[in-house]
Amino acid sequence: MIDPKRIRISDFDYDLPPEFIAQKPVSERDSSKLLFYKNGQIAHKHFSDISEVLPEGAKLVFNNTKVIPARLFVTKPTGALIQVFLLNPIAPYNNVDQGLKAINEAVTWKCMIGNLKRWKEGETIEVKANDLWMSFTLRNKDLRTVEMQWSQHIPFCDALEVLGNMPLPPYIKREAQEADVSRYQTVYAKEEGAVAAPTAGLHFTKEILSGLTANRMTLEEVTLHVGAGTFKPVEEDLVWNHPMHEEYYQVNKSTIKSLITDKPRIATGTTSLRTLETLYWVGIQLRDNAENPFNVMQHKPYGYSGELPDYNAALQHILDYMEEHDVAEIVGLSGIMIMPGYDVKSVVGLITNFHLPKSTLLLLIAAMVGDNWMKIYTAAKDDGYRFLSYGDSSLLMKRTAV
């Protein structure tokens, strides 16, 4: 039995030479490689073949978040260049949806700030482009909170489209290009709010999605706004002590109904899986009348002493709550940490790219496939797979799946 409090991040390290890290996407989304893993066996295919290896009648779950142009460059009158990277909204209402759709009013976000020493607390800087101006006021230097106001009566996300830049991951060693505006975005992206793409979905084309439904598979969407914390390395020796990042999720009632099923569920990406597992614990917390039931923190799943139902029963608690309170959508924070010792309850398989050594994402993979994660990653390297956001794909079947 694995004790999650004793897991060491050094056990989840592997050699990743720079030449394995994809710096740009392949010419066609579905032309990437696809590693298929099931019951200890590995097969090498192309992503365009994915319908051939998915379980019959599978229900695929996608994260429909949309990446916003979260990098902004602001120049002070003195000539000092300040880089503002949006992380998560603070106001209005501490809600990502309100913060992005706010019309002609101030929003405040927690940010990463480059050249912070040149920006005084309370100081306002303005930038202008295409008849649109936006002001940036550093409200709290220690907390890196920035208030933004803009001139036109348009949503905040539309203002960002004019003034912002696509936030490529830190391991892509080049500036964002025009092609990245579309390629670092899934074809089904809808809900603005992410500052990093749910990259497992980048391989899908509209044709592949249509082919899946033609093959009697069903497609469902959830939303989890991917934060920059997804790139944060695990610096603690004991994984348990790593402060897991939190991300906003939202799921509507019809999706909850659809997810209560006997069909095999497949998560497209680690963010979809995080959302699905978060929903399980939301159901438990609603059943137990917990405080803040829609927020699931990182250690919640570990050491739970109560009776645990199956996945469908947990989601039924959510559905009962939504019907009783006439709620169309649930919104909350997911800080769930999925690592070895955690029993994945929502899916039998995961579509995902290849992740950084010593990362929380690699821990999630190990929770799905056990110690064979190293066998999978070694096979991918031996076959010349491209790693990370713009890299190749895999379909990993859970080790208990048949």
Protein backbone atom coordinates (compact mmCIF):
# COMPACT_ATOMS: atom_id res chain seq x y z
CA MET A 1 0.00 0.00 0.00
CA ILE A 2 1.46 3.34 -1.04
CA ASP A 3 1.67 5.99 1.66
CA PRO A 4 1.17 9.32 -0.19
CA LYS A 5 2.87 11.20 2.64
CA ARG A 6 6.14 9.35 1.95
CA ILE A 7 6.34 9.74 -1.84
CA ARG A 8 9.56 11.43 -2.92
CA ILE A 9 9.68 13.50 -6.08
CA SER A 10 13.14 12.14 -6.89
CA ASP A 11 11.43 8.83 -7.76
CA PHE A 12 9.64 10.60 -10.63
CA ASP A 13 12.63 11.93 -12.50
CA TYR A 14 13.90 10.98 -15.94
CA ASP A 15 16.37 12.38 -18.46
CA LEU A 16 14.74 14.81 -20.89
CA PRO A 17 17.33 16.29 -23.27
CA PRO A 18 16.31 19.66 -24.83
CA GLU A 19 16.06 18.14 -28.31
CA PHE A 20 13.05 16.06 -27.18
CA ILE A 21 11.03 19.16 -26.25
CA ALA A 22 8.82 20.23 -29.17
CA GLN A 23 9.35 23.91 -29.95
CA LYS A 24 6.58 24.12 -32.54
CA PRO A 25 3.54 22.06 -33.56
CA VAL A 26 3.52 19.48 -36.33
CA SER A 27 2.15 20.62 -39.69
CA GLU A 28 -1.24 18.95 -39.15
CA ARG A 29 -2.84 18.50 -35.73
CA ASP A 30 -3.65 14.82 -36.15
CA SER A 31 -0.31 13.83 -37.73
CA SER A 32 1.38 13.50 -34.34
CA LYS A 33 2.40 10.14 -32.98
CA LEU A 34 0.15 8.24 -30.57
CA LEU A 35 1.48 5.80 -27.99
CA PHE A 36 -1.20 3.33 -26.91
CA TYR A 37 -0.70 1.63 -23.54
CA LYS A 38 -2.93 -1.11 -22.15
CA ASN A 39 -2.30 -3.92 -19.66
CA GLY A 40 1.46 -3.44 -19.77
CA GLN A 41 1.65 -3.49 -23.57
CA ILE A 42 2.71 -0.58 -25.78
CA ALA A 43 1.80 0.07 -29.42
CA HIS A 44 2.90 2.97 -31.63
CA LYS A 45 0.32 4.61 -33.88
CA HIS A 46 -0.65 8.00 -35.29
CA PHE A 47 -3.22 10.24 -33.67
CA SER A 48 -5.46 10.00 -36.73
CA ASP A 49 -5.95 6.33 -35.74
CA ILE A 50 -7.26 7.10 -32.27
CA SER A 51 -10.81 5.88 -32.90
CA GLU A 52 -9.37 2.40 -33.55
CA VAL A 53 -7.97 2.05 -30.02
CA LEU A 54 -10.66 3.77 -27.98
CA PRO A 55 -13.10 1.46 -26.13
CA GLU A 56 -16.37 0.75 -27.92
CA GLY A 57 -19.05 3.27 -27.02
CA ALA A 58 -16.61 5.45 -25.09
CA LYS A 59 -17.66 8.78 -23.61
CA LEU A 60 -14.85 11.28 -24.19
CA VAL A 61 -14.61 14.28 -21.89
CA PHE A 62 -12.92 17.46 -23.14
CA ASN A 63 -11.86 20.65 -21.38
CA ASN A 64 -13.34 23.49 -23.45
CA THR A 65 -11.37 26.29 -21.78
CA LYS A 66 -9.90 28.90 -24.10
CA VAL A 67 -6.45 30.42 -23.69
CA ILE A 68 -6.47 34.18 -23.26
CA PRO A 69 -3.64 36.49 -24.42
CA ALA A 70 -2.34 36.66 -20.86
CA ARG A 71 1.07 38.27 -21.47
CA LEU A 72 1.05 42.07 -21.61
CA PHE A 73 3.99 44.41 -22.04
CA VAL A 74 3.74 47.86 -20.51
CA THR A 75 6.34 50.59 -20.95
CA LYS A 76 6.70 53.32 -18.32
CA PRO A 77 7.36 56.93 -19.38
CA THR A 78 10.94 56.36 -18.17
CA GLY A 79 11.37 53.61 -20.76
CA ALA A 80 11.32 50.72 -18.26
CA LEU A 81 9.56 47.67 -19.71
CA ILE A 82 7.17 45.85 -17.36
CA GLN A 83 5.83 42.40 -18.25
CA VAL A 84 2.46 41.46 -16.73
CA PHE A 85 1.42 37.81 -16.88
CA LEU A 86 -2.16 37.22 -15.71
CA LEU A 87 -2.52 34.30 -13.29
CA ASN A 88 -6.00 34.36 -11.76
CA PRO A 89 -8.76 36.89 -11.13
CA ILE A 90 -9.30 38.52 -7.76
CA ALA A 91 -12.18 40.89 -8.57
CA PRO A 92 -14.93 41.30 -9.48
CA TYR A 93 -16.44 38.61 -7.26
CA ASN A 94 -13.28 36.51 -7.22
CA ASN A 95 -14.78 34.67 -10.18
CA VAL A 96 -12.96 34.03 -13.43
CA ASP A 97 -16.11 34.19 -15.55
CA GLN A 98 -17.18 37.57 -14.18
CA GLY A 99 -13.64 38.88 -14.36
CA LEU A 100 -13.37 38.14 -18.08
CA LYS A 101 -16.82 39.25 -19.13
CA ALA A 102 -16.90 42.42 -17.05
CA ILE A 103 -18.01 45.32 -19.24
CA ASN A 104 -16.23 48.65 -18.95
CA GLU A 105 -15.25 48.23 -15.32
CA ALA A 106 -12.06 47.54 -13.41
CA VAL A 107 -10.78 44.02 -12.91
CA THR A 108 -8.02 42.94 -10.54
CA TRP A 109 -5.82 39.91 -11.18
CA LYS A 110 -2.97 38.23 -9.39
CA CYS A 111 -0.01 38.37 -11.77
CA MET A 112 3.57 37.45 -12.38
CA ILE A 113 5.41 40.71 -12.99
CA GLY A 114 8.68 41.10 -14.81
CA ASN A 115 10.88 44.04 -13.71
CA LEU A 116 8.73 44.51 -10.61
CA LYS A 117 11.43 46.57 -8.88
CA ARG A 118 10.79 49.39 -11.40
CA TRP A 119 7.07 49.60 -10.58
CA LYS A 120 5.91 51.41 -7.46
CA GLU A 121 2.85 50.31 -5.51
CA GLY A 122 -0.12 52.50 -6.46
CA GLU A 123 1.56 53.65 -9.69
CA THR A 124 -0.55 53.59 -12.88
CA ILE A 125 0.84 52.88 -16.35
CA GLU A 126 -1.14 53.16 -19.58
CA VAL A 127 -0.81 51.38 -22.90
CA LYS A 128 -2.68 52.07 -26.14
CA ALA A 129 -3.30 50.15 -29.37
CA ASN A 130 -5.90 50.53 -32.13
CA ASP A 131 -7.84 53.29 -30.32
CA LEU A 132 -8.04 51.17 -27.16
CA TRP A 133 -6.19 52.15 -24.02
CA MET A 134 -5.77 50.17 -20.84
CA SER A 135 -4.41 51.33 -17.50
CA PHE A 136 -2.47 49.09 -15.12
CA THR A 137 -2.25 50.00 -11.43
CA LEU A 138 -0.07 47.98 -9.07
CA ARG A 139 -2.37 47.62 -6.07
CA ASN A 140 -0.27 45.33 -3.90
CA LYS A 141 3.40 44.79 -4.66
CA ASP A 142 3.87 41.87 -2.28
CA LEU A 143 0.82 40.00 -3.58
CA ARG A 144 1.43 41.06 -7.22
CA THR A 145 -2.15 42.25 -7.70
CA VAL A 146 -2.82 44.55 -10.64
CA GLU A 147 -6.01 46.51 -11.35
CA MET A 148 -6.85 47.06 -15.02
CA GLN A 149 -9.31 49.45 -16.64
CA TRP A 150 -9.95 49.99 -20.34
CA SER A 151 -11.54 52.63 -22.52
CA GLN A 152 -14.12 50.90 -24.68
CA HIS A 153 -17.40 49.27 -23.65
CA ILE A 154 -16.19 45.76 -24.47
CA PRO A 155 -15.55 42.60 -22.41
CA PHE A 156 -12.18 42.29 -20.75
CA CYS A 157 -11.31 39.27 -22.91
CA ASP A 158 -11.89 41.35 -26.05
CA ALA A 159 -9.56 44.05 -24.74
CA LEU A 160 -6.93 41.38 -24.16
CA GLU A 161 -7.27 40.24 -27.77
CA VAL A 162 -6.08 43.71 -28.82
CA LEU A 163 -3.37 44.28 -26.22
CA GLY A 164 -2.22 40.85 -25.07
CA ASN A 165 0.09 38.13 -26.35
CA MET A 166 -0.28 34.34 -26.42
CA PRO A 167 1.36 32.87 -23.28
CA LEU A 168 3.53 30.02 -24.56
CA PRO A 169 4.97 27.65 -21.91
CA PRO A 170 8.36 28.56 -20.41
CA TYR A 171 10.09 25.56 -22.03
CA ILE A 172 9.27 26.83 -25.54
CA LYS A 173 12.33 28.96 -26.18
CA ARG A 174 10.95 31.38 -28.74
CA GLU A 175 8.53 34.26 -28.92
CA ALA A 176 4.90 33.56 -29.80
CA GLN A 177 4.14 33.81 -33.51
CA GLU A 178 0.96 34.47 -35.43
CA ALA A 179 0.47 30.74 -36.01
CA ASP A 180 0.44 30.11 -32.25
CA VAL A 181 -2.76 32.14 -31.89
CA SER A 182 -4.68 29.25 -33.45
CA ARG A 183 -2.38 26.27 -32.86
CA TYR A 184 -2.00 26.83 -29.10
CA GLN A 185 -5.77 26.52 -28.86
CA THR A 186 -8.03 23.49 -29.22
CA VAL A 187 -10.57 23.46 -32.06
CA TYR A 188 -13.35 23.19 -29.45
CA ALA A 189 -12.16 26.02 -27.16
CA LYS A 190 -15.08 28.16 -25.96
CA GLU A 191 -14.76 29.50 -22.42
CA GLU A 192 -12.10 32.21 -22.03
CA GLY A 193 -10.01 31.96 -18.89
CA ALA A 194 -6.96 29.71 -19.29
CA VAL A 195 -3.39 31.00 -19.34
CA ALA A 196 -2.11 27.63 -20.59
CA ALA A 197 -3.68 25.29 -23.13
CA PRO A 198 -5.15 21.87 -22.27
CA THR A 199 -2.59 20.46 -24.67
CA ALA A 200 -3.90 16.90 -25.00
CA GLY A 201 -6.73 18.41 -27.04
CA LEU A 202 -4.44 20.13 -29.54
CA HIS A 203 -4.28 16.93 -31.63
CA PHE A 204 -8.01 16.82 -32.33
CA THR A 205 -9.47 18.14 -35.57
CA LYS A 206 -13.11 18.75 -36.36
CA GLU A 207 -12.96 15.76 -38.69
CA ILE A 208 -11.71 13.46 -35.94
CA LEU A 209 -14.44 14.68 -33.58
CA SER A 210 -17.06 14.00 -36.24
CA GLY A 211 -15.57 10.56 -36.82
CA LEU A 212 -15.81 9.71 -33.14
CA THR A 213 -19.52 10.51 -33.03
CA ALA A 214 -20.03 8.57 -36.26
CA ASN A 215 -18.46 5.59 -34.47
CA ARG A 216 -21.10 5.90 -31.73
CA MET A 217 -18.87 7.55 -29.20
CA THR A 218 -20.21 10.50 -27.21
CA LEU A 219 -18.44 13.76 -26.47
CA GLU A 220 -18.88 15.84 -23.32
CA GLU A 221 -17.31 19.11 -22.24
CA VAL A 222 -16.25 20.46 -18.87
CA THR A 223 -14.35 23.66 -18.13
CA LEU A 224 -11.24 24.02 -16.03
CA HIS A 225 -9.29 27.23 -16.55
CA VAL A 226 -5.69 26.06 -16.69
CA GLY A 227 -3.38 28.25 -14.62
CA ALA A 228 0.34 28.91 -14.83
CA GLY A 229 0.72 26.74 -11.72
CA THR A 230 0.56 23.73 -14.02
CA PHE A 231 4.22 24.49 -14.92
CA LYS A 232 5.32 24.89 -11.31
CA PRO A 233 7.98 22.28 -10.45
CA VAL A 234 7.74 20.18 -7.32
CA GLU A 235 10.55 21.59 -5.20
CA GLU A 236 9.72 19.78 -1.96
CA ASP A 237 11.46 16.43 -1.44
CA LEU A 238 8.22 14.97 -0.08
CA VAL A 239 5.46 15.44 -2.64
CA TRP A 240 2.89 15.79 0.15
CA ASN A 241 4.41 19.15 1.11
CA HIS A 242 4.12 20.66 -2.36
CA PRO A 243 1.56 23.52 -2.42
CA MET A 244 -0.77 22.45 -5.23
CA HIS A 245 -2.12 25.19 -7.49
CA GLU A 246 -5.87 25.84 -7.62
CA GLU A 247 -7.91 26.33 -10.77
CA TYR A 248 -11.50 27.38 -11.50
CA TYR A 249 -13.84 24.79 -12.95
CA GLN A 250 -17.45 24.94 -14.13
CA VAL A 251 -19.78 22.13 -15.22
CA ASN A 252 -23.40 22.37 -16.28
CA LYS A 253 -26.31 20.18 -15.27
CA SER A 254 -26.71 18.36 -18.58
CA THR A 255 -23.07 17.28 -18.44
CA ILE A 256 -23.48 15.94 -14.90
CA LYS A 257 -26.45 13.90 -16.13
CA SER A 258 -24.47 12.58 -19.09
CA LEU A 259 -21.49 11.60 -16.92
CA ILE A 260 -23.71 9.29 -14.86
CA THR A 261 -23.27 6.33 -17.20
CA ASP A 262 -22.10 2.76 -17.55
CA LYS A 263 -20.15 3.64 -20.69
CA PRO A 264 -16.35 3.78 -20.42
CA ARG A 265 -15.26 7.35 -19.76
CA ILE A 266 -12.03 8.67 -21.32
CA ALA A 267 -10.51 11.96 -20.18
CA THR A 268 -8.91 14.14 -22.81
CA GLY A 269 -6.03 15.64 -20.87
CA THR A 270 -4.97 15.89 -17.26
CA THR A 271 -7.17 18.97 -16.75
CA SER A 272 -10.28 17.05 -17.81
CA LEU A 273 -9.30 14.26 -15.44
CA ARG A 274 -8.70 16.73 -12.60
CA THR A 275 -12.17 18.14 -13.19
CA LEU A 276 -13.84 14.72 -13.29
CA GLU A 277 -12.14 13.63 -10.08
CA THR A 278 -12.99 16.97 -8.46
CA LEU A 279 -16.65 16.33 -9.27
CA TYR A 280 -16.45 13.03 -7.40
CA TRP A 281 -15.31 14.78 -4.22
CA VAL A 282 -17.85 17.57 -4.67
CA GLY A 283 -20.50 14.84 -4.57
CA ILE A 284 -18.99 13.42 -1.38
CA GLN A 285 -18.83 16.87 0.23
CA LEU A 286 -22.44 17.63 -0.68
CA ARG A 287 -23.49 14.29 0.80
CA ASP A 288 -21.60 15.09 3.98
CA ASN A 289 -22.91 18.69 4.17
CA ALA A 290 -19.35 19.97 4.12
CA GLU A 291 -18.49 23.66 4.22
CA ASN A 292 -17.61 25.05 0.77
CA PRO A 293 -18.54 21.77 -0.95
CA PHE A 294 -17.61 22.99 -4.45
CA ASN A 295 -13.97 23.65 -3.54
CA VAL A 296 -11.78 20.53 -3.43
CA MET A 297 -8.35 20.99 -1.89
CA GLN A 298 -5.25 18.90 -2.53
CA HIS A 299 -5.31 16.53 0.44
CA LYS A 300 -9.07 15.94 0.53
CA PRO A 301 -8.94 12.49 -1.14
CA TYR A 302 -6.30 11.10 1.21
CA GLY A 303 -7.06 9.56 4.57
CA TYR A 304 -10.82 9.90 4.12
CA SER A 305 -12.47 7.72 6.74
CA GLY A 306 -16.06 7.72 5.51
CA GLU A 307 -17.80 5.34 3.15
CA LEU A 308 -17.00 5.99 -0.50
CA PRO A 309 -19.63 5.32 -3.20
CA ASP A 310 -18.91 4.62 -6.86
CA TYR A 311 -18.53 7.47 -9.33
CA ASN A 312 -22.11 7.50 -10.57
CA ALA A 313 -23.50 7.63 -7.03
CA ALA A 314 -21.23 10.56 -6.13
CA LEU A 315 -22.39 12.52 -9.17
CA GLN A 316 -25.99 11.73 -8.32
CA HIS A 317 -25.50 13.77 -5.13
CA ILE A 318 -24.52 16.74 -7.30
CA LEU A 319 -27.49 16.26 -9.58
CA ASP A 320 -29.87 15.99 -6.62
CA TYR A 321 -28.47 19.24 -5.21
CA MET A 322 -28.80 21.03 -8.57
CA GLU A 323 -32.40 19.91 -9.00
CA GLU A 324 -33.36 20.76 -5.42
CA HIS A 325 -31.83 24.24 -5.61
CA ASP A 326 -32.64 24.87 -9.30
CA VAL A 327 -28.95 25.28 -10.18
CA ALA A 328 -27.93 25.10 -13.84
CA GLU A 329 -24.17 25.08 -13.34
CA ILE A 330 -21.69 24.48 -10.55
CA VAL A 331 -18.52 26.55 -10.21
CA GLY A 332 -15.66 26.06 -7.80
CA LEU A 333 -11.95 25.65 -7.19
CA SER A 334 -10.00 22.48 -7.86
CA GLY A 335 -6.77 22.01 -5.95
CA ILE A 336 -6.91 18.22 -6.11
CA MET A 337 -3.54 16.48 -6.21
CA ILE A 338 -3.59 13.12 -7.99
CA MET A 339 -0.55 10.98 -7.24
CA PRO A 340 0.37 7.34 -6.59
CA GLY A 341 -1.87 5.95 -3.88
CA TYR A 342 -4.91 7.73 -5.31
CA ASP A 343 -7.53 5.54 -6.97
CA VAL A 344 -8.77 7.23 -10.13
CA LYS A 345 -12.52 6.74 -10.11
CA SER A 346 -13.90 8.59 -13.11
CA VAL A 347 -12.23 7.08 -16.18
CA VAL A 348 -10.73 3.94 -17.66
CA GLY A 349 -8.32 5.86 -19.87
CA LEU A 350 -6.53 9.16 -20.42
CA ILE A 351 -5.43 10.92 -23.59
CA THR A 352 -2.40 13.01 -22.73
CA ASN A 353 0.94 14.38 -23.91
CA PHE A 354 4.31 13.60 -22.28
CA HIS A 355 5.12 15.64 -19.21
CA LEU A 356 8.07 17.20 -17.43
CA PRO A 357 10.19 15.20 -14.99
CA LYS A 358 9.40 15.75 -11.30
CA SER A 359 6.05 17.41 -12.07
CA THR A 360 2.57 17.01 -10.62
CA LEU A 361 1.40 15.93 -14.07
CA LEU A 362 3.84 13.04 -14.10
CA LEU A 363 2.59 12.04 -10.64
CA LEU A 364 -0.93 11.92 -12.10
CA ILE A 365 0.29 9.63 -14.89
CA ALA A 366 1.84 7.31 -12.28
CA ALA A 367 -1.49 7.19 -10.46
CA MET A 368 -3.09 5.97 -13.70
CA VAL A 369 -0.55 3.38 -14.83
CA GLY A 370 1.59 2.64 -11.78
CA ASP A 371 5.32 2.03 -12.03
CA ASN A 372 5.01 1.42 -15.77
CA TRP A 373 5.14 5.17 -16.35
CA MET A 374 8.92 4.84 -16.77
CA LYS A 375 8.48 2.00 -19.29
CA ILE A 376 6.07 4.21 -21.27
CA TYR A 377 8.33 7.26 -21.25
CA THR A 378 11.41 5.21 -22.17
CA ALA A 379 9.54 3.65 -25.10
CA ALA A 380 8.45 7.11 -26.27
CA LYS A 381 12.00 8.44 -26.16
CA ASP A 382 13.36 5.35 -27.94
CA ASP A 383 10.82 5.86 -30.74
CA GLY A 384 11.60 9.56 -31.15
CA TYR A 385 8.42 11.04 -29.68
CA ARG A 386 8.24 14.79 -29.15
CA PHE A 387 7.52 15.86 -25.58
CA LEU A 388 5.46 18.51 -23.73
CA SER A 389 2.84 20.97 -25.01
CA TYR A 390 3.47 20.85 -28.75
CA GLY A 391 4.62 17.23 -28.60
CA ASP A 392 3.10 13.87 -29.40
CA SER A 393 0.20 12.10 -27.70
CA SER A 394 -0.66 8.94 -25.81
CA LEU A 395 -3.73 6.97 -24.81
CA LEU A 396 -3.07 5.38 -21.43
CA MET A 397 -5.55 2.83 -20.12
CA LYS A 398 -5.89 2.62 -16.35
CA ARG A 399 -4.01 -0.33 -14.89
CA THR A 400 -7.19 -1.88 -13.48
CA ALA A 401 -9.06 -1.49 -16.78
CA VAL A 402 -9.67 -4.58 -18.89
